[in-house]
Amino acid sequence: EARVMLDCNQQWTLSQSMAVCNELRGMNPYWIEEPTHPDDVLA
């Protein structure tokens, strides 16, 4: 029932973000925070 947020602090590339986020689906994160570079809107 509790909300769990995961914060990457910009560490991943887009491809890493894709792979790891898919592995994290099963623990139902409320959000994924700052997965990649903050200026990269399109990523």
All heavy atoms as atom14 arrays in JSON, in Angstrom:
{
  "sequence": "EARVMLDCNQQWTLSQSMAVCNELRGMNPYWIEEPTHPDDVLA",
  "atom14_mask": [
    [1, 1, 1, 1, 1, 1, 1, 1, 1, 0, 0, 0, 0, 0],
    [1, 1, 1, 1, 1, 0, 0, 0, 0, 0, 0, 0, 0, 0],
    [1, 1, 1, 1, 1, 1, 1, 1, 1, 1, 1, 0, 0, 0],
    [1, 1, 1, 1, 1, 1, 1, 0, 0, 0, 0, 0, 0, 0],
    [1, 1, 1, 1, 1, 1, 1, 1, 0, 0, 0, 0, 0, 0],
    [1, 1, 1, 1, 1, 1, 1, 1, 0, 0, 0, 0, 0, 0],
    [1, 1, 1, 1, 1, 1, 1, 1, 0, 0, 0, 0, 0, 0],
    [1, 1, 1, 1, 1, 1, 0, 0, 0, 0, 0, 0, 0, 0],
    [1, 1, 1, 1, 1, 1, 1, 1, 0, 0, 0, 0, 0, 0],
    [1, 1, 1, 1, 1, 1, 1, 1, 1, 0, 0, 0, 0, 0],
    [1, 1, 1, 1, 1, 1, 1, 1, 1, 0, 0, 0, 0, 0],
    [1, 1, 1, 1, 1, 1, 1, 1, 1, 1, 1, 1, 1, 1],
    [1, 1, 1, 1, 1, 1, 1, 0, 0, 0, 0, 0, 0, 0],
    [1, 1, 1, 1, 1, 1, 1, 1, 0, 0, 0, 0, 0, 0],
    [1, 1, 1, 1, 1, 1, 0, 0, 0, 0, 0, 0, 0, 0],
    [1, 1, 1, 1, 1, 1, 1, 1, 1, 0, 0, 0, 0, 0],
    [1, 1, 1, 1, 1, 1, 0, 0, 0, 0, 0, 0, 0, 0],
    [1, 1, 1, 1, 1, 1, 1, 1, 0, 0, 0, 0, 0, 0],
    [1, 1, 1, 1, 1, 0, 0, 0, 0, 0, 0, 0, 0, 0],
    [1, 1, 1, 1, 1, 1, 1, 0, 0, 0, 0, 0, 0, 0],
    [1, 1, 1, 1, 1, 1, 0, 0, 0, 0, 0, 0, 0, 0],
    [1, 1, 1, 1, 1, 1, 1, 1, 0, 0, 0, 0, 0, 0],
    [1, 1, 1, 1, 1, 1, 1, 1, 1, 0, 0, 0, 0, 0],
    [1, 1, 1, 1, 1, 1, 1, 1, 0, 0, 0, 0, 0, 0],
    [1, 1, 1, 1, 1, 1, 1, 1, 1, 1, 1, 0, 0, 0],
    [1, 1, 1, 1, 0, 0, 0, 0, 0, 0, 0, 0, 0, 0],
    [1, 1, 1, 1, 1, 1, 1, 1, 0, 0, 0, 0, 0, 0],
    [1, 1, 1, 1, 1, 1, 1, 1, 0, 0, 0, 0, 0, 0],
    [1, 1, 1, 1, 1, 1, 1, 0, 0, 0, 0, 0, 0, 0],
    [1, 1, 1, 1, 1, 1, 1, 1, 1, 1, 1, 1, 0, 0],
    [1, 1, 1, 1, 1, 1, 1, 1, 1, 1, 1, 1, 1, 1],
    [1, 1, 1, 1, 1, 1, 1, 1, 0, 0, 0, 0, 0, 0],
    [1, 1, 1, 1, 1, 1, 1, 1, 1, 0, 0, 0, 0, 0],
    [1, 1, 1, 1, 1, 1, 1, 1, 1, 0, 0, 0, 0, 0],
    [1, 1, 1, 1, 1, 1, 1, 0, 0, 0, 0, 0, 0, 0],
    [1, 1, 1, 1, 1, 1, 1, 0, 0, 0, 0, 0, 0, 0],
    [1, 1, 1, 1, 1, 1, 1, 1, 1, 1, 0, 0, 0, 0],
    [1, 1, 1, 1, 1, 1, 1, 0, 0, 0, 0, 0, 0, 0],
    [1, 1, 1, 1, 1, 1, 1, 1, 0, 0, 0, 0, 0, 0],
    [1, 1, 1, 1, 1, 1, 1, 1, 0, 0, 0, 0, 0, 0],
    [1, 1, 1, 1, 1, 1, 1, 0, 0, 0, 0, 0, 0, 0],
    [1, 1, 1, 1, 1, 1, 1, 1, 0, 0, 0, 0, 0, 0],
    [1, 1, 1, 1, 1, 0, 0, 0, 0, 0, 0, 0, 0, 0]
  ],
  "atom14_positions": [
    [[0.81, -1.22, 0.0], [0.0, 0.0, 0.0], [0.84, 1.27, 0.0], [0.39, 2.33, -0.46], [-0.95, 0.0, 1.2], [-1.95, -1.14, 1.22], [-2.8, -1.17, -0.04], [-3.27, -0.08, -0.45], [-2.99, -2.25, -0.62], [0.0, 0.0, 0.0], [0.0, 0.0, 0.0], [0.0, 0.0, 0.0], [0.0, 0.0, 0.0], [0.0, 0.0, 0.0]],
    [[2.03, 1.22, 0.54], [2.87, 2.41, 0.62], [3.4, 2.79, -0.76], [3.54, 1.95, -1.65], [4.04, 2.16, 1.57], [0.0, 0.0, 0.0], [0.0, 0.0, 0.0], [0.0, 0.0, 0.0], [0.0, 0.0, 0.0], [0.0, 0.0, 0.0], [0.0, 0.0, 0.0], [0.0, 0.0, 0.0], [0.0, 0.0, 0.0], [0.0, 0.0, 0.0]],
    [[3.68, 4.08, -0.92], [4.28, 4.57, -2.16], [5.8, 4.52, -2.05], [6.36, 4.95, -1.03], [3.83, 6.0, -2.44], [2.34, 6.14, -2.74], [1.93, 7.6, -2.71], [0.56, 7.8, -3.17], [-0.09, 8.95, -3.11], [0.52, 10.02, -2.61], [-1.33, 9.05, -3.56], [0.0, 0.0, 0.0], [0.0, 0.0, 0.0], [0.0, 0.0, 0.0]],
    [[6.44, 4.01, -3.09], [7.9, 3.94, -3.14], [8.38, 4.66, -4.39], [7.97, 4.32, -5.51], [8.41, 2.48, -3.16], [9.94, 2.46, -3.25], [7.93, 1.73, -1.92], [0.0, 0.0, 0.0], [0.0, 0.0, 0.0], [0.0, 0.0, 0.0], [0.0, 0.0, 0.0], [0.0, 0.0, 0.0], [0.0, 0.0, 0.0], [0.0, 0.0, 0.0]],
    [[9.23, 5.67, -4.2], [9.82, 6.4, -5.31], [11.28, 5.98, -5.48], [11.96, 5.7, -4.48], [9.74, 7.91, -5.06], [8.32, 8.46, -5.18], [7.24, 7.99, -3.82], [7.91, 8.99, -2.5], [0.0, 0.0, 0.0], [0.0, 0.0, 0.0], [0.0, 0.0, 0.0], [0.0, 0.0, 0.0], [0.0, 0.0, 0.0], [0.0, 0.0, 0.0]],
    [[11.74, 5.95, -6.72], [13.12, 5.58, -7.03], [13.79, 6.76, -7.73], [13.27, 7.28, -8.71], [13.15, 4.35, -7.93], [12.42, 3.11, -7.39], [12.44, 1.99, -8.43], [13.03, 2.64, -6.08], [0.0, 0.0, 0.0], [0.0, 0.0, 0.0], [0.0, 0.0, 0.0], [0.0, 0.0, 0.0], [0.0, 0.0, 0.0], [0.0, 0.0, 0.0]],
    [[14.95, 7.16, -7.21], [15.62, 8.37, -7.69], [17.01, 8.02, -8.22], [17.89, 7.62, -7.47], [15.73, 9.37, -6.53], [16.3, 10.71, -6.96], [16.61, 10.88, -8.14], [16.42, 11.59, -6.08], [0.0, 0.0, 0.0], [0.0, 0.0, 0.0], [0.0, 0.0, 0.0], [0.0, 0.0, 0.0], [0.0, 0.0, 0.0], [0.0, 0.0, 0.0]],
    [[17.2, 8.21, -9.53], [18.46, 7.85, -10.19], [19.48, 8.99, -10.2], [20.67, 8.77, -10.44], [18.16, 7.42, -11.62], [19.58, 6.78, -12.5], [0.0, 0.0, 0.0], [0.0, 0.0, 0.0], [0.0, 0.0, 0.0], [0.0, 0.0, 0.0], [0.0, 0.0, 0.0], [0.0, 0.0, 0.0], [0.0, 0.0, 0.0], [0.0, 0.0, 0.0]],
    [[19.02, 10.22, -9.97], [19.91, 11.38, -9.98], [20.73, 11.48, -11.28], [21.91, 11.78, -11.26], [20.82, 11.41, -8.77], [20.07, 11.71, -7.49], [19.71, 10.79, -6.75], [19.8, 12.97, -7.23], [0.0, 0.0, 0.0], [0.0, 0.0, 0.0], [0.0, 0.0, 0.0], [0.0, 0.0, 0.0], [0.0, 0.0, 0.0], [0.0, 0.0, 0.0]],
    [[20.07, 11.19, -12.41], [20.6, 11.43, -13.76], [21.65, 10.42, -14.22], [22.29, 10.62, -15.26], [21.23, 12.84, -13.87], [20.4, 13.95, -13.27], [21.26, 15.1, -12.82], [22.11, 15.58, -13.56], [21.05, 15.56, -11.61], [0.0, 0.0, 0.0], [0.0, 0.0, 0.0], [0.0, 0.0, 0.0], [0.0, 0.0, 0.0], [0.0, 0.0, 0.0]],
    [[21.85, 9.34, -13.5], [22.99, 8.46, -13.75], [22.86, 7.63, -15.03], [23.86, 7.37, -15.7], [23.16, 7.5, -12.56], [24.32, 6.53, -12.67], [25.66, 7.22, -12.65], [26.19, 7.56, -13.69], [26.19, 7.46, -11.45], [0.0, 0.0, 0.0], [0.0, 0.0, 0.0], [0.0, 0.0, 0.0], [0.0, 0.0, 0.0], [0.0, 0.0, 0.0]],
    [[21.66, 7.21, -15.41], [21.51, 6.29, -16.53], [21.51, 7.01, -17.88], [21.11, 8.17, -17.99], [20.2, 5.51, -16.42], [20.09, 4.62, -15.23], [21.09, 3.92, -14.63], [18.89, 4.32, -14.5], [20.59, 3.2, -13.57], [19.25, 3.42, -13.47], [17.55, 4.7, -14.62], [18.31, 2.91, -12.57], [16.62, 4.19, -13.73], [17.01, 3.31, -12.71]],
    [[21.91, 6.29, -18.92], [21.63, 6.71, -20.29], [20.2, 6.31, -20.63], [19.53, 5.6, -19.85], [22.6, 6.04, -21.27], [22.37, 4.62, -21.23], [24.05, 6.33, -20.9], [0.0, 0.0, 0.0], [0.0, 0.0, 0.0], [0.0, 0.0, 0.0], [0.0, 0.0, 0.0], [0.0, 0.0, 0.0], [0.0, 0.0, 0.0], [0.0, 0.0, 0.0]],
    [[19.74, 6.71, -21.8], [18.38, 6.33, -22.2], [18.24, 4.82, -22.31], [17.26, 4.24, -21.81], [18.02, 7.0, -23.53], [16.66, 6.61, -24.12], [15.53, 6.91, -23.14], [16.43, 7.34, -25.45], [0.0, 0.0, 0.0], [0.0, 0.0, 0.0], [0.0, 0.0, 0.0], [0.0, 0.0, 0.0], [0.0, 0.0, 0.0], [0.0, 0.0, 0.0]],
    [[19.2, 4.14, -22.92], [19.09, 2.69, -23.08], [19.13, 1.99, -21.72], [18.39, 1.02, -21.5], [20.21, 2.17, -23.98], [21.49, 2.47, -23.45], [0.0, 0.0, 0.0], [0.0, 0.0, 0.0], [0.0, 0.0, 0.0], [0.0, 0.0, 0.0], [0.0, 0.0, 0.0], [0.0, 0.0, 0.0], [0.0, 0.0, 0.0], [0.0, 0.0, 0.0]],
    [[19.97, 2.45, -20.81], [20.0, 1.88, -19.47], [18.66, 2.1, -18.77], [18.14, 1.21, -18.1], [21.13, 2.5, -18.65], [22.52, 2.07, -19.05], [23.6, 2.85, -18.31], [23.49, 4.06, -18.11], [24.64, 2.16, -17.88], [0.0, 0.0, 0.0], [0.0, 0.0, 0.0], [0.0, 0.0, 0.0], [0.0, 0.0, 0.0], [0.0, 0.0, 0.0]],
    [[18.12, 3.31, -18.92], [16.83, 3.62, -18.29], [15.75, 2.67, -18.78], [14.94, 2.15, -17.99], [16.42, 5.06, -18.62], [17.36, 5.99, -18.14], [0.0, 0.0, 0.0], [0.0, 0.0, 0.0], [0.0, 0.0, 0.0], [0.0, 0.0, 0.0], [0.0, 0.0, 0.0], [0.0, 0.0, 0.0], [0.0, 0.0, 0.0], [0.0, 0.0, 0.0]],
    [[15.71, 2.42, -20.07], [14.72, 1.51, -20.65], [14.83, 0.13, -20.03], [13.83, -0.46, -19.58], [14.93, 1.41, -22.16], [14.62, 2.67, -22.92], [12.85, 2.79, -23.26], [12.9, 3.87, -24.69], [0.0, 0.0, 0.0], [0.0, 0.0, 0.0], [0.0, 0.0, 0.0], [0.0, 0.0, 0.0], [0.0, 0.0, 0.0], [0.0, 0.0, 0.0]],
    [[16.05, -0.37, -19.96], [16.25, -1.73, -19.46], [15.91, -1.86, -17.99], [15.19, -2.78, -17.57], [17.71, -2.15, -19.71], [0.0, 0.0, 0.0], [0.0, 0.0, 0.0], [0.0, 0.0, 0.0], [0.0, 0.0, 0.0], [0.0, 0.0, 0.0], [0.0, 0.0, 0.0], [0.0, 0.0, 0.0], [0.0, 0.0, 0.0], [0.0, 0.0, 0.0]],
    [[16.42, -0.94, -17.18], [16.22, -1.05, -15.73], [14.78, -0.78, -15.36], [14.2, -1.49, -14.51], [17.18, -0.12, -14.98], [16.96, -0.24, -13.46], [18.63, -0.42, -15.31], [0.0, 0.0, 0.0], [0.0, 0.0, 0.0], [0.0, 0.0, 0.0], [0.0, 0.0, 0.0], [0.0, 0.0, 0.0], [0.0, 0.0, 0.0], [0.0, 0.0, 0.0]],
    [[14.16, 0.21, -15.97], [12.76, 0.51, -15.64], [11.85, -0.69, -15.91], [10.92, -0.96, -15.14], [12.28, 1.74, -16.41], [12.94, 3.3, -15.79], [0.0, 0.0, 0.0], [0.0, 0.0, 0.0], [0.0, 0.0, 0.0], [0.0, 0.0, 0.0], [0.0, 0.0, 0.0], [0.0, 0.0, 0.0], [0.0, 0.0, 0.0], [0.0, 0.0, 0.0]],
    [[12.09, -1.39, -16.98], [11.28, -2.57, -17.28], [11.46, -3.66, -16.21], [10.51, -4.38, -15.88], [11.62, -3.11, -18.66], [10.96, -2.32, -19.76], [9.82, -1.89, -19.61], [11.66, -2.11, -20.87], [0.0, 0.0, 0.0], [0.0, 0.0, 0.0], [0.0, 0.0, 0.0], [0.0, 0.0, 0.0], [0.0, 0.0, 0.0], [0.0, 0.0, 0.0]],
    [[12.67, -3.76, -15.65], [12.91, -4.72, -14.57], [12.23, -4.3, -13.27], [11.96, -5.14, -12.39], [14.42, -4.86, -14.33], [15.18, -5.5, -15.47], [14.88, -7.0, -15.57], [14.5, -7.62, -14.56], [15.02, -7.54, -16.69], [0.0, 0.0, 0.0], [0.0, 0.0, 0.0], [0.0, 0.0, 0.0], [0.0, 0.0, 0.0], [0.0, 0.0, 0.0]],
    [[11.94, -3.02, -13.14], [11.38, -2.5, -11.9], [9.85, -2.5, -11.88], [9.25, -2.19, -10.85], [11.87, -1.06, -11.66], [13.37, -0.93, -11.37], [13.79, 0.53, -11.44], [13.71, -1.52, -10.0], [0.0, 0.0, 0.0], [0.0, 0.0, 0.0], [0.0, 0.0, 0.0], [0.0, 0.0, 0.0], [0.0, 0.0, 0.0], [0.0, 0.0, 0.0]],
    [[9.23, -2.86, -12.97], [7.76, -2.83, -13.04], [7.12, -3.63, -11.91], [6.1, -3.23, -11.34], [7.28, -3.36, -14.37], [7.48, -2.45, -15.54], [6.88, -3.03, -16.82], [7.18, -2.22, -17.98], [6.49, -1.15, -18.35], [5.44, -0.77, -17.62], [6.82, -0.47, -19.42], [0.0, 0.0, 0.0], [0.0, 0.0, 0.0], [0.0, 0.0, 0.0]],
    [[7.72, -4.76, -11.6], [7.11, -5.67, -10.63], [7.02, -5.14, -9.22], [6.22, -5.65, -8.43], [0.0, 0.0, 0.0], [0.0, 0.0, 0.0], [0.0, 0.0, 0.0], [0.0, 0.0, 0.0], [0.0, 0.0, 0.0], [0.0, 0.0, 0.0], [0.0, 0.0, 0.0], [0.0, 0.0, 0.0], [0.0, 0.0, 0.0], [0.0, 0.0, 0.0]],
    [[7.83, -4.11, -8.87], [7.72, -3.58, -7.51], [6.86, -2.3, -7.47], [6.7, -1.68, -6.43], [9.1, -3.33, -6.88], [10.07, -2.46, -7.63], [9.8, -0.64, -7.49], [9.76, -0.39, -5.74], [0.0, 0.0, 0.0], [0.0, 0.0, 0.0], [0.0, 0.0, 0.0], [0.0, 0.0, 0.0], [0.0, 0.0, 0.0], [0.0, 0.0, 0.0]],
    [[6.3, -1.93, -8.63], [5.3, -0.87, -8.71], [5.79, 0.45, -8.12], [5.23, 0.96, -7.15], [4.0, -1.31, -8.01], [2.86, -0.34, -8.28], [2.82, 0.33, -9.31], [1.93, -0.27, -7.33], [0.0, 0.0, 0.0], [0.0, 0.0, 0.0], [0.0, 0.0, 0.0], [0.0, 0.0, 0.0], [0.0, 0.0, 0.0], [0.0, 0.0, 0.0]],
    [[6.82, 1.06, -8.71], [7.28, 2.36, -8.21], [6.25, 3.45, -8.48], [5.6, 3.46, -9.53], [8.57, 2.61, -9.0], [8.39, 1.84, -10.26], [7.59, 0.62, -9.89], [0.0, 0.0, 0.0], [0.0, 0.0, 0.0], [0.0, 0.0, 0.0], [0.0, 0.0, 0.0], [0.0, 0.0, 0.0], [0.0, 0.0, 0.0], [0.0, 0.0, 0.0]],
    [[6.1, 4.37, -7.54], [5.19, 5.49, -7.73], [5.72, 6.42, -8.8], [4.96, 6.99, -9.57], [4.99, 6.23, -6.41], [3.88, 7.25, -6.43], [2.56, 6.86, -6.66], [4.14, 8.59, -6.21], [1.53, 7.79, -6.68], [3.12, 9.54, -6.21], [1.82, 9.13, -6.45], [0.81, 10.06, -6.47], [0.0, 0.0, 0.0], [0.0, 0.0, 0.0]],
    [[7.04, 6.59, -8.83], [7.69, 7.29, -9.94], [9.15, 6.88, -10.03], [9.72, 6.34, -9.1], [7.56, 8.81, -9.83], [8.38, 9.51, -8.76], [9.72, 9.39, -8.5], [7.89, 10.51, -7.85], [10.1, 10.24, -7.48], [9.0, 10.95, -7.06], [6.65, 11.09, -7.63], [8.89, 11.91, -6.07], [6.54, 12.06, -6.64], [7.64, 12.45, -5.87]],
    [[9.74, 7.14, -11.22], [11.17, 7.05, -11.44], [11.67, 8.49, -11.6], [11.22, 9.21, -12.5], [11.52, 6.25, -12.71], [10.82, 4.89, -12.72], [13.04, 6.12, -12.85], [11.33, 3.91, -11.71], [0.0, 0.0, 0.0], [0.0, 0.0, 0.0], [0.0, 0.0, 0.0], [0.0, 0.0, 0.0], [0.0, 0.0, 0.0], [0.0, 0.0, 0.0]],
    [[12.59, 8.89, -10.74], [13.0, 10.3, -10.69], [14.36, 10.49, -11.37], [15.29, 9.73, -11.14], [13.08, 10.73, -9.22], [13.44, 12.18, -9.0], [13.32, 12.58, -7.53], [12.61, 11.87, -6.78], [13.94, 13.58, -7.15], [0.0, 0.0, 0.0], [0.0, 0.0, 0.0], [0.0, 0.0, 0.0], [0.0, 0.0, 0.0], [0.0, 0.0, 0.0]],
    [[14.43, 11.53, -12.19], [15.66, 11.94, -12.86], [16.46, 10.75, -13.43], [17.6, 10.52, -13.06], [16.56, 12.71, -11.89], [16.1, 14.11, -11.6], [17.24, 14.97, -11.07], [17.92, 14.56, -10.11], [17.46, 16.05, -11.61], [0.0, 0.0, 0.0], [0.0, 0.0, 0.0], [0.0, 0.0, 0.0], [0.0, 0.0, 0.0], [0.0, 0.0, 0.0]],
    [[15.89, 10.01, -14.37], [16.6, 8.83, -14.87], [17.84, 9.16, -15.71], [18.8, 8.39, -15.71], [15.54, 8.12, -15.72], [14.59, 9.21, -16.12], [14.55, 10.15, -14.96], [0.0, 0.0, 0.0], [0.0, 0.0, 0.0], [0.0, 0.0, 0.0], [0.0, 0.0, 0.0], [0.0, 0.0, 0.0], [0.0, 0.0, 0.0], [0.0, 0.0, 0.0]],
    [[17.81, 10.31, -16.43], [18.93, 10.61, -17.32], [19.18, 12.11, -17.32], [18.67, 12.84, -16.47], [18.67, 10.03, -18.73], [19.86, 10.13, -19.51], [17.53, 10.73, -19.44], [0.0, 0.0, 0.0], [0.0, 0.0, 0.0], [0.0, 0.0, 0.0], [0.0, 0.0, 0.0], [0.0, 0.0, 0.0], [0.0, 0.0, 0.0], [0.0, 0.0, 0.0]],
    [[19.96, 12.61, -18.26], [20.41, 14.0, -18.23], [19.23, 14.97, -18.23], [18.32, 14.87, -19.07], [21.31, 14.28, -19.43], [22.1, 15.54, -19.29], [21.53, 16.79, -19.42], [23.41, 15.75, -19.0], [22.45, 17.72, -19.23], [23.61, 17.1, -18.97], [0.0, 0.0, 0.0], [0.0, 0.0, 0.0], [0.0, 0.0, 0.0], [0.0, 0.0, 0.0]],
    [[19.22, 15.95, -17.33], [18.04, 16.81, -17.19], [17.75, 17.71, -18.38], [16.62, 18.19, -18.52], [18.35, 17.63, -15.93], [19.83, 17.59, -15.78], [20.24, 16.24, -16.3], [0.0, 0.0, 0.0], [0.0, 0.0, 0.0], [0.0, 0.0, 0.0], [0.0, 0.0, 0.0], [0.0, 0.0, 0.0], [0.0, 0.0, 0.0], [0.0, 0.0, 0.0]],
    [[18.74, 17.97, -19.23], [18.49, 18.81, -20.41], [17.92, 18.02, -21.58], [17.51, 18.62, -22.59], [19.79, 19.48, -20.87], [20.28, 20.55, -19.91], [19.52, 20.9, -18.98], [21.42, 21.02, -20.07], [0.0, 0.0, 0.0], [0.0, 0.0, 0.0], [0.0, 0.0, 0.0], [0.0, 0.0, 0.0], [0.0, 0.0, 0.0], [0.0, 0.0, 0.0]],
    [[17.89, 16.71, -21.47], [17.49, 15.87, -22.6], [15.99, 15.6, -22.56], [15.53, 14.53, -22.14], [18.29, 14.56, -22.58], [18.26, 13.85, -23.92], [17.37, 14.16, -24.75], [19.13, 12.99, -24.15], [0.0, 0.0, 0.0], [0.0, 0.0, 0.0], [0.0, 0.0, 0.0], [0.0, 0.0, 0.0], [0.0, 0.0, 0.0], [0.0, 0.0, 0.0]],
    [[15.24, 16.58, -23.02], [13.78, 16.48, -22.99], [13.29, 15.31, -23.84], [12.4, 14.54, -23.43], [13.14, 17.8, -23.47], [11.61, 17.68, -23.46], [13.58, 18.96, -22.6], [0.0, 0.0, 0.0], [0.0, 0.0, 0.0], [0.0, 0.0, 0.0], [0.0, 0.0, 0.0], [0.0, 0.0, 0.0], [0.0, 0.0, 0.0], [0.0, 0.0, 0.0]],
    [[13.86, 15.15, -25.02], [13.37, 14.1, -25.93], [13.66, 12.7, -25.41], [12.87, 11.78, -25.62], [13.97, 14.3, -27.31], [13.51, 15.56, -28.05], [14.13, 15.63, -29.44], [11.98, 15.63, -28.14], [0.0, 0.0, 0.0], [0.0, 0.0, 0.0], [0.0, 0.0, 0.0], [0.0, 0.0, 0.0], [0.0, 0.0, 0.0], [0.0, 0.0, 0.0]],
    [[14.79, 12.52, -24.71], [15.05, 11.21, -24.12], [14.0, 10.88, -23.07], [13.52, 9.74, -22.98], [16.44, 11.19, -23.5], [0.0, 0.0, 0.0], [0.0, 0.0, 0.0], [0.0, 0.0, 0.0], [0.0, 0.0, 0.0], [0.0, 0.0, 0.0], [0.0, 0.0, 0.0], [0.0, 0.0, 0.0], [0.0, 0.0, 0.0], [0.0, 0.0, 0.0]]
  ]
}
